[in-house]
Amino acid sequence: MINIFFYIRDLNEIQKLNLQKLKNISIIYRNYERKSYEKNAFEIQKICKMKGFKFFIANNYKFAIKIGANGIYIPSFNKKMYTISNSKIDIIGSAHSSIEINQKIEQGCKKIFLSPIFQTKEYKKSKILDVHKFNNLRRLYENKAEIFALGGINEKKFKYIISHNIKGIGSIGILEKKINSRFLNVLNLIARKP
């Protein structure tokens, strides 16, 4: 059983369809362009409440409180220190190196997505960590934070990554297209509530 997080920027019909079929996942809303920001956030929050998903808002602690989100997501580029007065708010983040992992720990992150594990449009082969480097960093920080995999994880690579005893993954692309029923069953079988 692993923690599965899906990133959403703009909620679309395919994502809505996929979300209706998924179980025990978490959603990270990171709409940096702020296009239809609040409208999308409230719609995603409604789905999350109905389905029992955890919901995280990127970079906006006040809005996370306002909307009743479960937590805040702090991306690697955000170096701001947050004063979290609500103990019910979880802090999660992302990093690309051990330096950034340390920064996220200082920011209060208990779960950190380390990326990119695989090549993506944004990160070419020279920038990827690969599973072996990822596992080395994960072991190095296992007593300080849970380290989850992110970056280039699609259906084919998903099976490979979970074979490495990873506690959690984050994906941007999986939710972007209709998830076939076989893979959907796999996700629902192994997903656990964080």
N, C-alpha and C. Protein backbone atom coordinates (compact mmCIF):
# COMPACT_ATOMS: atom_id res chain seq x y z
N MET A 1 0.84 -1.18 0.00
CA MET A 1 0.00 0.00 0.00
C MET A 1 0.89 1.25 0.00
N ILE A 2 0.56 2.18 -0.87
CA ILE A 2 1.35 3.41 -0.96
C ILE A 2 0.44 4.64 -1.02
N ASN A 3 1.01 5.79 -0.68
CA ASN A 3 0.32 7.06 -0.81
C ASN A 3 0.41 7.50 -2.26
N ILE A 4 -0.73 7.84 -2.84
CA ILE A 4 -0.76 8.30 -4.23
C ILE A 4 -1.34 9.71 -4.26
N PHE A 5 -0.56 10.64 -4.83
CA PHE A 5 -0.96 12.03 -4.96
C PHE A 5 -1.03 12.39 -6.44
N PHE A 6 -2.08 13.09 -6.81
CA PHE A 6 -2.21 13.60 -8.17
C PHE A 6 -2.20 15.12 -8.14
N TYR A 7 -1.39 15.70 -9.02
CA TYR A 7 -1.33 17.15 -9.17
C TYR A 7 -2.37 17.59 -10.19
N ILE A 8 -3.08 18.67 -9.87
CA ILE A 8 -4.04 19.24 -10.81
C ILE A 8 -3.77 20.73 -10.92
N ARG A 9 -3.75 21.21 -12.17
CA ARG A 9 -3.62 22.64 -12.42
C ARG A 9 -4.98 23.23 -12.79
N ASP A 10 -5.58 22.73 -13.84
CA ASP A 10 -6.91 23.14 -14.28
C ASP A 10 -7.77 21.89 -14.33
N LEU A 11 -8.85 21.87 -13.60
CA LEU A 11 -9.72 20.71 -13.56
C LEU A 11 -10.47 20.58 -14.89
N ASN A 12 -10.31 19.42 -15.55
CA ASN A 12 -11.01 19.21 -16.82
C ASN A 12 -11.91 17.97 -16.72
N GLU A 13 -12.64 17.71 -17.78
CA GLU A 13 -13.64 16.62 -17.76
C GLU A 13 -13.00 15.24 -17.60
N ILE A 14 -11.86 15.01 -18.23
CA ILE A 14 -11.18 13.71 -18.10
C ILE A 14 -10.75 13.50 -16.66
N GLN A 15 -10.18 14.53 -16.04
CA GLN A 15 -9.77 14.42 -14.65
C GLN A 15 -10.97 14.14 -13.75
N LYS A 16 -12.08 14.83 -13.98
CA LYS A 16 -13.29 14.61 -13.18
C LYS A 16 -13.75 13.16 -13.29
N LEU A 17 -13.74 12.63 -14.50
CA LEU A 17 -14.14 11.24 -14.73
C LEU A 17 -13.21 10.28 -13.97
N ASN A 18 -11.91 10.51 -14.08
CA ASN A 18 -10.94 9.67 -13.36
C ASN A 18 -11.12 9.75 -11.86
N LEU A 19 -11.31 10.96 -11.35
CA LEU A 19 -11.46 11.15 -9.90
C LEU A 19 -12.69 10.42 -9.36
N GLN A 20 -13.75 10.35 -10.15
CA GLN A 20 -14.96 9.66 -9.69
C GLN A 20 -14.71 8.16 -9.49
N LYS A 21 -13.70 7.61 -10.18
CA LYS A 21 -13.43 6.17 -10.12
C LYS A 21 -12.31 5.79 -9.16
N LEU A 22 -11.53 6.78 -8.72
CA LEU A 22 -10.39 6.50 -7.85
C LEU A 22 -10.78 6.44 -6.38
N LYS A 23 -9.93 5.77 -5.58
CA LYS A 23 -10.13 5.66 -4.14
C LYS A 23 -8.82 5.96 -3.41
N ASN A 24 -8.94 6.49 -2.19
CA ASN A 24 -7.81 6.62 -1.25
C ASN A 24 -6.61 7.41 -1.79
N ILE A 25 -6.87 8.42 -2.58
CA ILE A 25 -5.77 9.24 -3.12
C ILE A 25 -5.79 10.62 -2.48
N SER A 26 -4.81 11.43 -2.82
CA SER A 26 -4.75 12.83 -2.40
C SER A 26 -4.55 13.70 -3.63
N ILE A 27 -5.05 14.93 -3.54
CA ILE A 27 -4.94 15.89 -4.65
C ILE A 27 -4.13 17.09 -4.20
N ILE A 28 -3.19 17.50 -5.07
CA ILE A 28 -2.43 18.73 -4.87
C ILE A 28 -2.85 19.70 -5.96
N TYR A 29 -3.41 20.82 -5.55
CA TYR A 29 -3.85 21.85 -6.50
C TYR A 29 -2.75 22.89 -6.62
N ARG A 30 -2.14 22.96 -7.81
CA ARG A 30 -1.07 23.93 -8.02
C ARG A 30 -1.30 24.70 -9.33
N ASN A 31 -2.14 25.68 -9.24
CA ASN A 31 -2.50 26.53 -10.37
C ASN A 31 -1.70 27.83 -10.25
N TYR A 32 -0.47 27.82 -10.74
CA TYR A 32 0.40 28.98 -10.58
C TYR A 32 -0.02 30.16 -11.45
N GLU A 33 -0.72 29.90 -12.54
CA GLU A 33 -1.18 30.98 -13.41
C GLU A 33 -2.38 31.70 -12.82
N ARG A 34 -3.03 31.06 -11.83
CA ARG A 34 -4.18 31.58 -11.11
C ARG A 34 -5.39 31.78 -12.02
N LYS A 35 -5.43 31.04 -13.11
CA LYS A 35 -6.57 31.08 -14.02
C LYS A 35 -7.71 30.28 -13.40
N SER A 36 -8.87 30.91 -13.22
CA SER A 36 -10.04 30.29 -12.58
C SER A 36 -9.64 29.62 -11.26
N TYR A 37 -8.75 30.27 -10.54
CA TYR A 37 -8.12 29.69 -9.36
C TYR A 37 -9.14 29.24 -8.30
N GLU A 38 -9.93 30.15 -7.82
CA GLU A 38 -10.86 29.80 -6.74
C GLU A 38 -11.96 28.87 -7.22
N LYS A 39 -12.47 29.09 -8.42
CA LYS A 39 -13.52 28.23 -8.98
C LYS A 39 -13.04 26.78 -9.03
N ASN A 40 -11.85 26.56 -9.58
CA ASN A 40 -11.29 25.21 -9.65
C ASN A 40 -11.06 24.63 -8.26
N ALA A 41 -10.54 25.45 -7.37
CA ALA A 41 -10.23 24.97 -6.02
C ALA A 41 -11.49 24.49 -5.31
N PHE A 42 -12.55 25.27 -5.39
CA PHE A 42 -13.79 24.87 -4.72
C PHE A 42 -14.40 23.61 -5.36
N GLU A 43 -14.27 23.49 -6.67
CA GLU A 43 -14.78 22.30 -7.35
C GLU A 43 -13.98 21.06 -6.97
N ILE A 44 -12.66 21.21 -6.91
CA ILE A 44 -11.80 20.08 -6.49
C ILE A 44 -12.08 19.72 -5.04
N GLN A 45 -12.22 20.73 -4.18
CA GLN A 45 -12.52 20.49 -2.77
C GLN A 45 -13.83 19.72 -2.61
N LYS A 46 -14.82 20.06 -3.40
CA LYS A 46 -16.12 19.37 -3.35
C LYS A 46 -15.96 17.89 -3.70
N ILE A 47 -15.18 17.61 -4.75
CA ILE A 47 -14.93 16.21 -5.14
C ILE A 47 -14.17 15.49 -4.03
N CYS A 48 -13.16 16.15 -3.48
CA CYS A 48 -12.35 15.54 -2.43
C CYS A 48 -13.20 15.20 -1.20
N LYS A 49 -14.07 16.10 -0.80
CA LYS A 49 -14.93 15.83 0.35
C LYS A 49 -15.86 14.65 0.08
N MET A 50 -16.44 14.65 -1.12
CA MET A 50 -17.37 13.59 -1.49
C MET A 50 -16.67 12.22 -1.52
N LYS A 51 -15.44 12.19 -2.00
CA LYS A 51 -14.71 10.93 -2.17
C LYS A 51 -13.81 10.59 -0.97
N GLY A 52 -13.65 11.52 -0.04
CA GLY A 52 -12.79 11.27 1.11
C GLY A 52 -11.30 11.40 0.79
N PHE A 53 -10.97 12.19 -0.24
CA PHE A 53 -9.57 12.42 -0.62
C PHE A 53 -9.01 13.55 0.24
N LYS A 54 -7.70 13.49 0.50
CA LYS A 54 -7.02 14.63 1.12
C LYS A 54 -6.75 15.66 0.03
N PHE A 55 -6.80 16.93 0.43
CA PHE A 55 -6.67 18.03 -0.53
C PHE A 55 -5.63 19.03 -0.04
N PHE A 56 -4.67 19.35 -0.92
CA PHE A 56 -3.57 20.26 -0.60
C PHE A 56 -3.56 21.43 -1.58
N ILE A 57 -3.33 22.61 -1.06
CA ILE A 57 -3.25 23.83 -1.87
C ILE A 57 -1.78 24.26 -1.92
N ALA A 58 -1.30 24.57 -3.12
CA ALA A 58 0.10 25.01 -3.28
C ALA A 58 0.27 26.47 -2.91
N ASN A 59 1.28 26.75 -2.09
CA ASN A 59 1.78 28.10 -1.83
C ASN A 59 0.80 29.08 -1.20
N ASN A 60 -0.31 28.64 -0.69
CA ASN A 60 -1.31 29.60 -0.22
C ASN A 60 -1.95 29.10 1.08
N TYR A 61 -1.25 29.32 2.18
CA TYR A 61 -1.71 28.85 3.48
C TYR A 61 -3.06 29.45 3.87
N LYS A 62 -3.22 30.77 3.66
CA LYS A 62 -4.48 31.42 4.04
C LYS A 62 -5.66 30.85 3.25
N PHE A 63 -5.45 30.62 1.97
CA PHE A 63 -6.53 30.06 1.16
C PHE A 63 -6.80 28.60 1.54
N ALA A 64 -5.75 27.87 1.90
CA ALA A 64 -5.92 26.48 2.35
C ALA A 64 -6.82 26.43 3.59
N ILE A 65 -6.61 27.36 4.51
CA ILE A 65 -7.44 27.45 5.71
C ILE A 65 -8.87 27.83 5.32
N LYS A 66 -8.99 28.84 4.46
CA LYS A 66 -10.31 29.34 4.05
C LYS A 66 -11.16 28.25 3.41
N ILE A 67 -10.54 27.46 2.56
CA ILE A 67 -11.29 26.45 1.81
C ILE A 67 -11.46 25.14 2.59
N GLY A 68 -10.75 25.02 3.70
CA GLY A 68 -10.84 23.79 4.49
C GLY A 68 -10.00 22.66 3.93
N ALA A 69 -8.88 23.01 3.30
CA ALA A 69 -7.97 21.98 2.75
C ALA A 69 -7.28 21.25 3.90
N ASN A 70 -6.77 20.07 3.58
CA ASN A 70 -6.06 19.27 4.58
C ASN A 70 -4.64 19.77 4.80
N GLY A 71 -4.12 20.51 3.81
CA GLY A 71 -2.75 20.94 3.97
C GLY A 71 -2.30 21.89 2.89
N ILE A 72 -1.02 22.22 2.99
CA ILE A 72 -0.36 23.12 2.05
C ILE A 72 0.79 22.36 1.39
N TYR A 73 0.98 22.63 0.11
CA TYR A 73 2.07 22.05 -0.65
C TYR A 73 3.06 23.17 -0.97
N ILE A 74 4.34 22.94 -0.64
CA ILE A 74 5.39 23.94 -0.87
C ILE A 74 6.34 23.39 -1.95
N PRO A 75 6.27 23.93 -3.18
CA PRO A 75 7.16 23.45 -4.24
C PRO A 75 8.62 23.81 -3.98
N SER A 76 9.49 23.19 -4.72
CA SER A 76 10.94 23.35 -4.50
C SER A 76 11.39 24.81 -4.59
N PHE A 77 10.78 25.60 -5.47
CA PHE A 77 11.23 26.99 -5.64
C PHE A 77 10.76 27.90 -4.51
N ASN A 78 9.83 27.48 -3.70
CA ASN A 78 9.30 28.31 -2.62
C ASN A 78 10.17 28.12 -1.38
N LYS A 79 10.85 29.17 -0.97
CA LYS A 79 11.75 29.12 0.19
C LYS A 79 11.14 29.78 1.42
N LYS A 80 9.89 30.22 1.31
CA LYS A 80 9.22 30.95 2.40
C LYS A 80 9.00 30.05 3.61
N MET A 81 9.21 30.62 4.79
CA MET A 81 8.91 29.91 6.04
C MET A 81 7.48 30.27 6.45
N TYR A 82 6.66 29.27 6.69
CA TYR A 82 5.27 29.48 7.06
C TYR A 82 5.10 29.30 8.56
N THR A 83 4.29 30.17 9.15
CA THR A 83 3.92 30.01 10.55
C THR A 83 2.55 29.36 10.53
N ILE A 84 2.51 28.09 10.81
CA ILE A 84 1.27 27.32 10.75
C ILE A 84 0.64 27.32 12.14
N SER A 85 -0.47 28.02 12.26
CA SER A 85 -1.14 28.11 13.56
C SER A 85 -2.18 27.01 13.73
N ASN A 86 -2.53 26.35 12.65
CA ASN A 86 -3.55 25.30 12.70
C ASN A 86 -2.84 23.94 12.66
N SER A 87 -2.91 23.21 13.75
CA SER A 87 -2.19 21.93 13.82
C SER A 87 -2.80 20.86 12.93
N LYS A 88 -3.98 21.11 12.38
CA LYS A 88 -4.63 20.14 11.50
C LYS A 88 -4.14 20.27 10.06
N ILE A 89 -3.34 21.29 9.78
CA ILE A 89 -2.82 21.52 8.43
C ILE A 89 -1.52 20.75 8.25
N ASP A 90 -1.50 19.84 7.28
CA ASP A 90 -0.28 19.11 6.93
C ASP A 90 0.56 19.94 5.97
N ILE A 91 1.87 19.82 6.09
CA ILE A 91 2.78 20.53 5.19
C ILE A 91 3.56 19.49 4.39
N ILE A 92 3.43 19.56 3.08
CA ILE A 92 4.18 18.68 2.19
C ILE A 92 4.91 19.55 1.18
N GLY A 93 5.92 19.00 0.52
CA GLY A 93 6.67 19.80 -0.43
C GLY A 93 7.39 18.96 -1.46
N SER A 94 8.16 19.63 -2.30
CA SER A 94 8.95 18.91 -3.30
C SER A 94 10.38 19.46 -3.33
N ALA A 95 11.28 18.60 -3.80
CA ALA A 95 12.70 18.94 -3.84
C ALA A 95 13.37 18.20 -4.99
N HIS A 96 14.55 18.70 -5.37
CA HIS A 96 15.33 18.09 -6.45
C HIS A 96 16.72 17.63 -5.99
N SER A 97 17.05 17.92 -4.73
CA SER A 97 18.39 17.60 -4.24
C SER A 97 18.38 17.50 -2.72
N SER A 98 19.49 17.06 -2.15
CA SER A 98 19.57 16.98 -0.69
C SER A 98 19.50 18.36 -0.05
N ILE A 99 20.05 19.38 -0.70
CA ILE A 99 19.97 20.75 -0.19
C ILE A 99 18.50 21.17 -0.08
N GLU A 100 17.72 20.91 -1.13
CA GLU A 100 16.31 21.28 -1.12
C GLU A 100 15.51 20.41 -0.14
N ILE A 101 15.88 19.15 0.03
CA ILE A 101 15.21 18.31 1.02
C ILE A 101 15.39 18.93 2.41
N ASN A 102 16.62 19.36 2.72
CA ASN A 102 16.87 20.01 4.02
C ASN A 102 16.03 21.28 4.18
N GLN A 103 15.90 22.06 3.10
CA GLN A 103 15.08 23.27 3.15
C GLN A 103 13.62 22.92 3.45
N LYS A 104 13.11 21.90 2.80
CA LYS A 104 11.71 21.49 3.01
C LYS A 104 11.50 20.99 4.44
N ILE A 105 12.46 20.28 4.98
CA ILE A 105 12.37 19.82 6.37
C ILE A 105 12.32 21.04 7.30
N GLU A 106 13.18 22.04 7.04
CA GLU A 106 13.17 23.27 7.84
C GLU A 106 11.83 24.00 7.73
N GLN A 107 11.17 23.88 6.58
CA GLN A 107 9.87 24.51 6.37
C GLN A 107 8.73 23.71 7.02
N GLY A 108 9.05 22.56 7.58
CA GLY A 108 8.05 21.77 8.29
C GLY A 108 7.41 20.66 7.49
N CYS A 109 7.95 20.36 6.32
CA CYS A 109 7.38 19.30 5.48
C CYS A 109 7.64 17.92 6.09
N LYS A 110 6.60 17.14 6.19
CA LYS A 110 6.70 15.76 6.69
C LYS A 110 6.76 14.75 5.54
N LYS A 111 6.23 15.17 4.39
CA LYS A 111 6.29 14.36 3.17
C LYS A 111 6.90 15.23 2.08
N ILE A 112 7.91 14.67 1.38
CA ILE A 112 8.62 15.45 0.36
C ILE A 112 8.70 14.63 -0.91
N PHE A 113 8.26 15.24 -2.01
CA PHE A 113 8.36 14.59 -3.32
C PHE A 113 9.72 14.93 -3.90
N LEU A 114 10.47 13.91 -4.22
CA LEU A 114 11.80 14.08 -4.80
C LEU A 114 11.69 13.81 -6.29
N SER A 115 12.16 14.77 -7.09
CA SER A 115 12.00 14.62 -8.54
C SER A 115 13.19 15.22 -9.28
N PRO A 116 13.30 14.90 -10.55
CA PRO A 116 12.51 13.94 -11.32
C PRO A 116 13.13 12.55 -11.26
N ILE A 117 12.29 11.57 -11.08
CA ILE A 117 12.76 10.18 -11.06
C ILE A 117 13.04 9.72 -12.49
N PHE A 118 12.15 10.09 -13.40
CA PHE A 118 12.30 9.72 -14.81
C PHE A 118 12.31 10.98 -15.67
N GLN A 119 12.70 10.82 -16.91
CA GLN A 119 12.74 11.93 -17.84
C GLN A 119 11.32 12.45 -18.10
N THR A 120 11.20 13.77 -18.20
CA THR A 120 9.92 14.41 -18.51
C THR A 120 10.17 15.45 -19.60
N LYS A 121 9.10 16.12 -20.03
CA LYS A 121 9.26 17.20 -21.01
C LYS A 121 10.15 18.30 -20.43
N GLU A 122 9.98 18.55 -19.16
CA GLU A 122 10.72 19.63 -18.49
C GLU A 122 12.14 19.22 -18.12
N TYR A 123 12.33 17.96 -17.74
CA TYR A 123 13.64 17.49 -17.27
C TYR A 123 14.18 16.41 -18.19
N LYS A 124 15.28 16.72 -18.84
CA LYS A 124 15.90 15.78 -19.76
C LYS A 124 16.78 14.78 -18.99
N LYS A 125 17.30 13.82 -19.70
CA LYS A 125 18.04 12.70 -19.12
C LYS A 125 19.15 13.12 -18.15
N SER A 126 19.85 14.18 -18.45
CA SER A 126 20.97 14.61 -17.59
C SER A 126 20.51 15.11 -16.22
N LYS A 127 19.23 15.46 -16.09
CA LYS A 127 18.72 16.01 -14.84
C LYS A 127 17.99 14.98 -13.97
N ILE A 128 17.74 13.78 -14.50
CA ILE A 128 16.95 12.82 -13.72
C ILE A 128 17.78 12.15 -12.63
N LEU A 129 17.08 11.75 -11.58
CA LEU A 129 17.74 11.08 -10.45
C LEU A 129 17.91 9.59 -10.71
N ASP A 130 16.95 8.97 -11.30
CA ASP A 130 16.77 7.53 -11.48
C ASP A 130 16.45 6.90 -10.12
N VAL A 131 15.97 5.70 -10.14
CA VAL A 131 15.48 5.05 -8.92
C VAL A 131 16.60 4.79 -7.92
N HIS A 132 17.80 4.50 -8.38
CA HIS A 132 18.90 4.20 -7.45
C HIS A 132 19.32 5.45 -6.65
N LYS A 133 19.49 6.59 -7.33
CA LYS A 133 19.83 7.82 -6.62
C LYS A 133 18.69 8.23 -5.69
N PHE A 134 17.46 8.06 -6.18
CA PHE A 134 16.29 8.36 -5.36
C PHE A 134 16.31 7.54 -4.07
N ASN A 135 16.53 6.24 -4.19
CA ASN A 135 16.55 5.36 -3.01
C ASN A 135 17.67 5.72 -2.04
N ASN A 136 18.81 6.11 -2.56
CA ASN A 136 19.91 6.54 -1.67
C ASN A 136 19.52 7.77 -0.86
N LEU A 137 18.91 8.75 -1.51
CA LEU A 137 18.47 9.95 -0.80
C LEU A 137 17.32 9.63 0.16
N ARG A 138 16.43 8.77 -0.27
CA ARG A 138 15.31 8.39 0.59
C ARG A 138 15.82 7.75 1.88
N ARG A 139 16.78 6.86 1.77
CA ARG A 139 17.34 6.20 2.96
C ARG A 139 18.06 7.20 3.87
N LEU A 140 18.73 8.15 3.26
CA LEU A 140 19.47 9.17 4.01
C LEU A 140 18.54 10.01 4.91
N TYR A 141 17.31 10.24 4.44
CA TYR A 141 16.37 11.11 5.17
C TYR A 141 15.21 10.37 5.81
N GLU A 142 15.25 9.04 5.85
CA GLU A 142 14.09 8.28 6.30
C GLU A 142 13.66 8.57 7.74
N ASN A 143 14.53 9.07 8.57
CA ASN A 143 14.14 9.40 9.95
C ASN A 143 13.66 10.84 10.11
N LYS A 144 13.74 11.63 9.04
CA LYS A 144 13.35 13.04 9.11
C LYS A 144 12.07 13.36 8.35
N ALA A 145 11.82 12.64 7.26
CA ALA A 145 10.63 12.89 6.44
C ALA A 145 10.40 11.68 5.54
N GLU A 146 9.15 11.54 5.10
CA GLU A 146 8.85 10.51 4.11
C GLU A 146 9.20 11.09 2.74
N ILE A 147 9.98 10.36 1.96
CA ILE A 147 10.39 10.82 0.64
C ILE A 147 9.60 10.02 -0.40
N PHE A 148 8.86 10.76 -1.24
CA PHE A 148 8.02 10.16 -2.27
C PHE A 148 8.60 10.45 -3.65
N ALA A 149 8.27 9.60 -4.61
CA ALA A 149 8.76 9.73 -5.98
C ALA A 149 7.84 10.62 -6.82
N LEU A 150 8.45 11.44 -7.68
CA LEU A 150 7.72 12.33 -8.57
C LEU A 150 8.55 12.53 -9.83
N GLY A 151 7.87 12.68 -10.95
CA GLY A 151 8.56 13.04 -12.19
C GLY A 151 8.60 11.93 -13.21
N GLY A 152 7.78 12.06 -14.24
CA GLY A 152 7.78 11.10 -15.34
C GLY A 152 7.12 9.78 -15.01
N ILE A 153 6.35 9.72 -13.95
CA ILE A 153 5.70 8.46 -13.57
C ILE A 153 4.41 8.33 -14.37
N ASN A 154 4.42 7.37 -15.28
CA ASN A 154 3.23 7.06 -16.05
C ASN A 154 2.83 5.61 -15.75
N GLU A 155 1.85 5.09 -16.47
CA GLU A 155 1.37 3.74 -16.18
C GLU A 155 2.49 2.69 -16.29
N LYS A 156 3.30 2.77 -17.33
CA LYS A 156 4.38 1.79 -17.52
C LYS A 156 5.42 1.88 -16.40
N LYS A 157 5.80 3.08 -16.05
CA LYS A 157 6.85 3.26 -15.03
C LYS A 157 6.31 3.07 -13.62
N PHE A 158 5.01 3.18 -13.45
CA PHE A 158 4.39 3.01 -12.15
C PHE A 158 4.70 1.62 -11.58
N LYS A 159 4.52 0.60 -12.40
CA LYS A 159 4.77 -0.77 -11.94
C LYS A 159 6.22 -0.96 -11.52
N TYR A 160 7.13 -0.36 -12.27
CA TYR A 160 8.55 -0.46 -11.95
C TYR A 160 8.86 0.25 -10.62
N ILE A 161 8.31 1.44 -10.47
CA ILE A 161 8.64 2.25 -9.28
C ILE A 161 8.10 1.61 -8.01
N ILE A 162 6.92 1.02 -8.04
CA ILE A 162 6.38 0.43 -6.81
C ILE A 162 7.10 -0.85 -6.42
N SER A 163 7.80 -1.45 -7.36
CA SER A 163 8.57 -2.65 -7.03
C SER A 163 9.78 -2.31 -6.16
N HIS A 164 10.07 -1.04 -5.97
CA HIS A 164 11.22 -0.59 -5.16
C HIS A 164 10.82 -0.19 -3.75
N ASN A 165 9.66 -0.66 -3.31
CA ASN A 165 9.21 -0.44 -1.93
C ASN A 165 9.10 1.05 -1.57
N ILE A 166 8.61 1.83 -2.52
CA ILE A 166 8.44 3.26 -2.31
C ILE A 166 7.14 3.49 -1.56
N LYS A 167 7.16 4.41 -0.59
CA LYS A 167 5.99 4.65 0.25
C LYS A 167 4.94 5.54 -0.42
N GLY A 168 5.37 6.32 -1.41
CA GLY A 168 4.42 7.21 -2.05
C GLY A 168 4.92 7.75 -3.37
N ILE A 169 3.96 8.12 -4.22
CA ILE A 169 4.29 8.72 -5.52
C ILE A 169 3.39 9.92 -5.77
N GLY A 170 3.87 10.79 -6.62
CA GLY A 170 3.08 11.91 -7.12
C GLY A 170 3.12 11.85 -8.63
N SER A 171 1.99 12.20 -9.25
CA SER A 171 1.93 12.18 -10.71
C SER A 171 1.13 13.36 -11.22
N ILE A 172 1.61 13.92 -12.30
CA ILE A 172 0.89 14.97 -12.99
C ILE A 172 0.18 14.37 -14.19
N GLY A 173 0.86 13.49 -14.91
CA GLY A 173 0.36 12.98 -16.18
C GLY A 173 -0.69 11.89 -16.12
N ILE A 174 -0.67 11.03 -15.12
CA ILE A 174 -1.60 9.90 -15.09
C ILE A 174 -3.05 10.36 -15.14
N LEU A 175 -3.37 11.42 -14.45
CA LEU A 175 -4.75 11.91 -14.37
C LEU A 175 -5.17 12.67 -15.63
N GLU A 176 -4.20 13.01 -16.49
CA GLU A 176 -4.48 13.83 -17.67
C GLU A 176 -5.21 13.09 -18.78
N LYS A 177 -5.15 11.77 -18.81
CA LYS A 177 -5.87 11.01 -19.83
C LYS A 177 -6.70 9.93 -19.14
N LYS A 178 -7.68 9.43 -19.85
CA LYS A 178 -8.58 8.43 -19.27
C LYS A 178 -7.75 7.23 -18.80
N ILE A 179 -7.95 6.85 -17.54
CA ILE A 179 -7.22 5.72 -16.97
C ILE A 179 -7.96 4.45 -17.33
N ASN A 180 -7.24 3.49 -17.95
CA ASN A 180 -7.91 2.25 -18.33
C ASN A 180 -8.30 1.46 -17.09
N SER A 181 -9.31 0.62 -17.23
CA SER A 181 -9.90 -0.07 -16.07
C SER A 181 -8.91 -0.98 -15.35
N ARG A 182 -8.01 -1.60 -16.07
CA ARG A 182 -7.02 -2.49 -15.45
C ARG A 182 -6.08 -1.71 -14.53
N PHE A 183 -5.56 -0.60 -15.03
CA PHE A 183 -4.66 0.24 -14.24
C PHE A 183 -5.42 0.90 -13.09
N LEU A 184 -6.65 1.29 -13.34
CA LEU A 184 -7.50 1.87 -12.30
C LEU A 184 -7.66 0.89 -11.13
N ASN A 185 -7.87 -0.37 -11.45
CA ASN A 185 -7.99 -1.40 -10.40
C ASN A 185 -6.70 -1.53 -9.60
N VAL A 186 -5.55 -1.45 -10.27
CA VAL A 186 -4.26 -1.52 -9.59
C VAL A 186 -4.12 -0.33 -8.63
N LEU A 187 -4.42 0.87 -9.14
CA LEU A 187 -4.32 2.06 -8.29
C LEU A 187 -5.22 1.95 -7.07
N ASN A 188 -6.45 1.53 -7.27
CA ASN A 188 -7.39 1.42 -6.16
C ASN A 188 -7.02 0.31 -5.19
N LEU A 189 -6.36 -0.71 -5.68
CA LEU A 189 -5.95 -1.82 -4.82
C LEU A 189 -4.79 -1.43 -3.89
N ILE A 190 -3.84 -0.63 -4.41
CA ILE A 190 -2.65 -0.36 -3.60
C ILE A 190 -2.66 1.01 -2.92
N ALA A 191 -3.58 1.90 -3.30
CA ALA A 191 -3.60 3.24 -2.71
C ALA A 191 -4.06 3.16 -1.26
N ARG A 192 -3.35 3.88 -0.40
CA ARG A 192 -3.79 3.96 1.00
C ARG A 192 -3.94 5.41 1.40
N LYS A 193 -4.83 5.65 2.32
CA LYS A 193 -5.04 7.01 2.79
C LYS A 193 -3.81 7.47 3.54
N PRO A 194 -3.32 8.68 3.21
CA PRO A 194 -2.14 9.18 3.91
C PRO A 194 -2.46 9.58 5.34
